[in-house]
Amino acid sequence: MMELLAPAGGMSQLKAALRFGADAVYGGMKRFGLRSAADNFSPEELREAL
């Protein structure tokens, strides 16, 4: 079965991806993300996201 994987550059993108049916999301933290234009997650936001 196929799975929809979506990027989440921050909390608002995470919520949108889940609202529109993503099965899984990926994102990075502010210090460790490789996507320079993304807001990325702070440690507190990452705990909330999980």
N, C-alpha and C. Protein backbone atom coordinates (compact mmCIF):
# COMPACT_ATOMS: atom_id res chain seq x y z
N MET A 1 0.84 -1.17 0.00
CA MET A 1 0.00 0.00 0.00
C MET A 1 0.89 1.24 0.00
N MET A 2 0.50 2.23 -0.77
CA MET A 2 1.28 3.47 -0.82
C MET A 2 0.98 4.35 0.38
N GLU A 3 1.95 5.19 0.71
CA GLU A 3 1.83 6.09 1.85
C GLU A 3 2.17 7.50 1.38
N LEU A 4 1.40 8.48 1.85
CA LEU A 4 1.67 9.88 1.52
C LEU A 4 2.59 10.46 2.60
N LEU A 5 3.79 10.83 2.20
CA LEU A 5 4.79 11.42 3.09
C LEU A 5 4.93 12.88 2.71
N ALA A 6 4.78 13.79 3.68
CA ALA A 6 4.82 15.23 3.39
C ALA A 6 5.84 15.93 4.28
N PRO A 7 6.47 16.98 3.75
CA PRO A 7 7.41 17.75 4.58
C PRO A 7 6.64 18.66 5.54
N ALA A 8 7.22 18.91 6.68
CA ALA A 8 6.64 19.84 7.65
C ALA A 8 7.76 20.78 8.11
N GLY A 9 7.76 21.98 7.57
CA GLY A 9 8.80 22.94 7.92
C GLY A 9 8.53 23.66 9.22
N GLY A 10 7.40 23.43 9.81
CA GLY A 10 7.03 24.05 11.07
C GLY A 10 5.68 23.51 11.53
N MET A 11 5.19 24.01 12.64
CA MET A 11 3.96 23.49 13.23
C MET A 11 2.75 23.70 12.31
N SER A 12 2.64 24.85 11.66
CA SER A 12 1.48 25.09 10.80
C SER A 12 1.49 24.14 9.60
N GLN A 13 2.66 23.87 9.05
CA GLN A 13 2.75 22.93 7.93
C GLN A 13 2.43 21.51 8.37
N LEU A 14 2.86 21.15 9.57
CA LEU A 14 2.54 19.83 10.12
C LEU A 14 1.04 19.66 10.24
N LYS A 15 0.37 20.63 10.82
CA LYS A 15 -1.09 20.55 10.99
C LYS A 15 -1.80 20.48 9.65
N ALA A 16 -1.34 21.26 8.67
CA ALA A 16 -1.95 21.23 7.34
C ALA A 16 -1.75 19.87 6.67
N ALA A 17 -0.55 19.31 6.76
CA ALA A 17 -0.28 18.01 6.15
C ALA A 17 -1.19 16.94 6.73
N LEU A 18 -1.36 16.94 8.03
CA LEU A 18 -2.22 15.95 8.67
C LEU A 18 -3.68 16.19 8.33
N ARG A 19 -4.09 17.45 8.28
CA ARG A 19 -5.48 17.80 7.95
C ARG A 19 -5.84 17.33 6.54
N PHE A 20 -4.87 17.37 5.61
CA PHE A 20 -5.14 17.00 4.23
C PHE A 20 -4.77 15.55 3.91
N GLY A 21 -4.53 14.75 4.94
CA GLY A 21 -4.44 13.31 4.75
C GLY A 21 -3.07 12.68 4.68
N ALA A 22 -2.03 13.38 5.06
CA ALA A 22 -0.69 12.77 5.05
C ALA A 22 -0.66 11.60 6.05
N ASP A 23 -0.07 10.51 5.63
CA ASP A 23 0.11 9.36 6.52
C ASP A 23 1.30 9.56 7.44
N ALA A 24 2.29 10.31 6.96
CA ALA A 24 3.51 10.56 7.72
C ALA A 24 4.08 11.91 7.30
N VAL A 25 4.83 12.53 8.18
CA VAL A 25 5.48 13.81 7.88
C VAL A 25 6.94 13.73 8.34
N TYR A 26 7.75 14.61 7.77
CA TYR A 26 9.13 14.71 8.22
C TYR A 26 9.48 16.17 8.40
N GLY A 27 10.37 16.43 9.30
CA GLY A 27 10.79 17.80 9.56
C GLY A 27 12.13 17.79 10.28
N GLY A 28 12.64 18.95 10.53
CA GLY A 28 13.92 19.06 11.22
C GLY A 28 13.83 20.04 12.37
N MET A 29 14.86 20.05 13.16
CA MET A 29 14.92 21.00 14.27
C MET A 29 15.71 22.22 13.81
N LYS A 30 15.56 23.32 14.53
CA LYS A 30 16.19 24.58 14.14
C LYS A 30 17.70 24.44 13.95
N ARG A 31 18.36 23.69 14.79
CA ARG A 31 19.82 23.51 14.68
C ARG A 31 20.24 22.41 13.73
N PHE A 32 19.32 21.47 13.44
CA PHE A 32 19.72 20.27 12.72
C PHE A 32 19.03 20.06 11.39
N GLY A 33 18.15 20.96 10.97
CA GLY A 33 17.45 20.78 9.70
C GLY A 33 18.32 21.20 8.53
N LEU A 34 18.17 20.51 7.40
CA LEU A 34 18.95 20.83 6.21
C LEU A 34 18.20 21.75 5.26
N ARG A 35 16.94 22.02 5.53
CA ARG A 35 16.15 22.89 4.66
C ARG A 35 16.24 24.32 5.18
N SER A 36 17.03 25.15 4.52
CA SER A 36 17.34 26.49 5.04
C SER A 36 16.14 27.42 5.07
N ALA A 37 15.15 27.23 4.19
CA ALA A 37 14.00 28.13 4.14
C ALA A 37 12.91 27.73 5.13
N ALA A 38 13.02 26.56 5.73
CA ALA A 38 11.99 26.08 6.65
C ALA A 38 12.16 26.70 8.03
N ASP A 39 11.03 26.89 8.71
CA ASP A 39 11.08 27.40 10.09
C ASP A 39 11.71 26.37 11.01
N ASN A 40 11.41 25.11 10.76
CA ASN A 40 11.85 23.98 11.57
C ASN A 40 11.30 24.06 12.98
N PHE A 41 11.55 23.04 13.77
CA PHE A 41 10.94 22.90 15.08
C PHE A 41 11.93 23.20 16.21
N SER A 42 11.43 23.89 17.21
CA SER A 42 12.19 24.04 18.45
C SER A 42 11.98 22.75 19.24
N PRO A 43 12.79 22.50 20.27
CA PRO A 43 12.56 21.29 21.08
C PRO A 43 11.14 21.23 21.66
N GLU A 44 10.60 22.35 22.07
CA GLU A 44 9.24 22.38 22.63
C GLU A 44 8.20 22.05 21.55
N GLU A 45 8.37 22.61 20.35
CA GLU A 45 7.44 22.34 19.27
C GLU A 45 7.51 20.88 18.85
N LEU A 46 8.69 20.30 18.84
CA LEU A 46 8.84 18.91 18.47
C LEU A 46 8.12 18.01 19.48
N ARG A 47 8.22 18.33 20.76
CA ARG A 47 7.47 17.55 21.77
C ARG A 47 5.98 17.65 21.51
N GLU A 48 5.48 18.85 21.19
CA GLU A 48 4.06 19.03 20.90
C GLU A 48 3.67 18.24 19.65
N ALA A 49 4.52 18.28 18.63
CA ALA A 49 4.22 17.60 17.37
C ALA A 49 4.11 16.09 17.57
N LEU A 50 4.97 15.53 18.41
CA LEU A 50 4.92 14.09 18.66
C LEU A 50 3.67 13.71 19.41
